Amino acid sequence: MTRLDDRTMATLDVVLEEVCRSLPHGGDHELRRSIAEKLLDSALVGNRTISGLTEVARAALAETTKRSA
């Protein structure tokens, strides 16, 4: 696996926290893990901007909540 720099890792953390903030208790572990995996996959292929990663996280959240509804 390609190593991501500290700045990118911090960006991933900020985006995950921001997207999960609207969820009760910040979301459960499985939901956060699912979103984090999609964020990581996106960052590894070069998407490292806050706006780009936020879009990925929101889409992952919508997809996951849609499946569980």
Protein backbone atom coordinates (compact mmCIF):
# COMPACT_ATOMS: atom_id res chain seq x y z
CA MET A 1 0.00 0.00 0.00
CA THR A 2 1.20 3.50 -0.80
CA ARG A 3 1.98 5.59 2.25
CA LEU A 4 0.04 8.83 2.55
CA ASP A 5 1.69 11.92 3.96
CA ASP A 6 0.69 13.41 7.32
CA ARG A 7 -1.23 16.24 5.71
CA THR A 8 -3.39 13.86 3.70
CA MET A 9 -4.03 11.69 6.75
CA ALA A 10 -5.11 14.79 8.69
CA THR A 11 -7.41 15.78 5.83
CA LEU A 12 -8.98 12.32 5.83
CA ASP A 13 -9.61 12.59 9.56
CA VAL A 14 -11.16 16.06 9.28
CA VAL A 15 -13.46 15.01 6.44
CA LEU A 16 -14.59 11.85 8.23
CA GLU A 17 -15.36 13.80 11.41
CA GLU A 18 -17.20 16.52 9.53
CA VAL A 19 -19.40 14.13 7.55
CA CYS A 20 -20.20 11.98 10.60
CA ARG A 21 -20.94 14.97 12.82
CA SER A 22 -24.59 15.00 11.75
CA LEU A 23 -25.09 11.38 12.81
CA PRO A 24 -26.27 10.36 16.28
CA HIS A 25 -23.14 9.87 18.41
CA GLY A 26 -20.98 10.48 15.34
CA GLY A 27 -22.08 7.24 13.68
CA ASP A 28 -21.36 3.65 14.63
CA HIS A 29 -18.06 1.91 14.04
CA GLU A 30 -19.12 -0.01 10.93
CA LEU A 31 -20.53 3.08 9.22
CA ARG A 32 -17.43 5.14 9.98
CA ARG A 33 -15.21 2.28 8.80
CA SER A 34 -17.10 2.01 5.52
CA ILE A 35 -16.78 5.74 4.86
CA ALA A 36 -13.11 5.74 5.90
CA GLU A 37 -12.30 2.90 3.50
CA LYS A 38 -13.84 4.81 0.59
CA LEU A 39 -11.97 7.95 1.60
CA LEU A 40 -8.70 6.06 1.79
CA ASP A 41 -9.25 4.41 -1.60
CA SER A 42 -9.96 7.80 -3.14
CA ALA A 43 -6.89 9.40 -1.56
CA LEU A 44 -4.67 6.58 -2.78
CA VAL A 45 -5.63 7.30 -6.39
CA GLY A 46 -4.85 10.99 -6.01
CA ASN A 47 -7.99 12.67 -4.67
CA ARG A 48 -6.50 14.61 -1.76
CA THR A 49 -8.44 17.86 -1.60
CA ILE A 50 -10.91 18.56 1.18
CA SER A 51 -13.70 19.26 -1.28
CA GLY A 52 -13.02 16.13 -3.32
CA LEU A 53 -12.81 13.90 -0.28
CA THR A 54 -15.91 15.48 1.27
CA GLU A 55 -17.84 14.61 -1.89
CA VAL A 56 -16.65 11.00 -1.63
CA ALA A 57 -17.57 10.81 2.06
CA ARG A 58 -21.04 12.26 1.54
CA ALA A 59 -21.70 9.85 -1.31
CA ALA A 60 -20.51 6.93 0.85
CA LEU A 61 -22.75 8.05 3.71
CA ALA A 62 -25.76 8.39 1.41
CA GLU A 63 -25.08 4.97 -0.13
CA THR A 64 -24.70 3.29 3.25
CA THR A 65 -27.75 4.88 4.83
CA LYS A 66 -29.82 4.14 1.72
CA ARG A 67 -28.92 0.44 1.93
CA SER A 68 -29.84 0.22 5.62
CA ALA A 69 -33.16 2.04 5.20
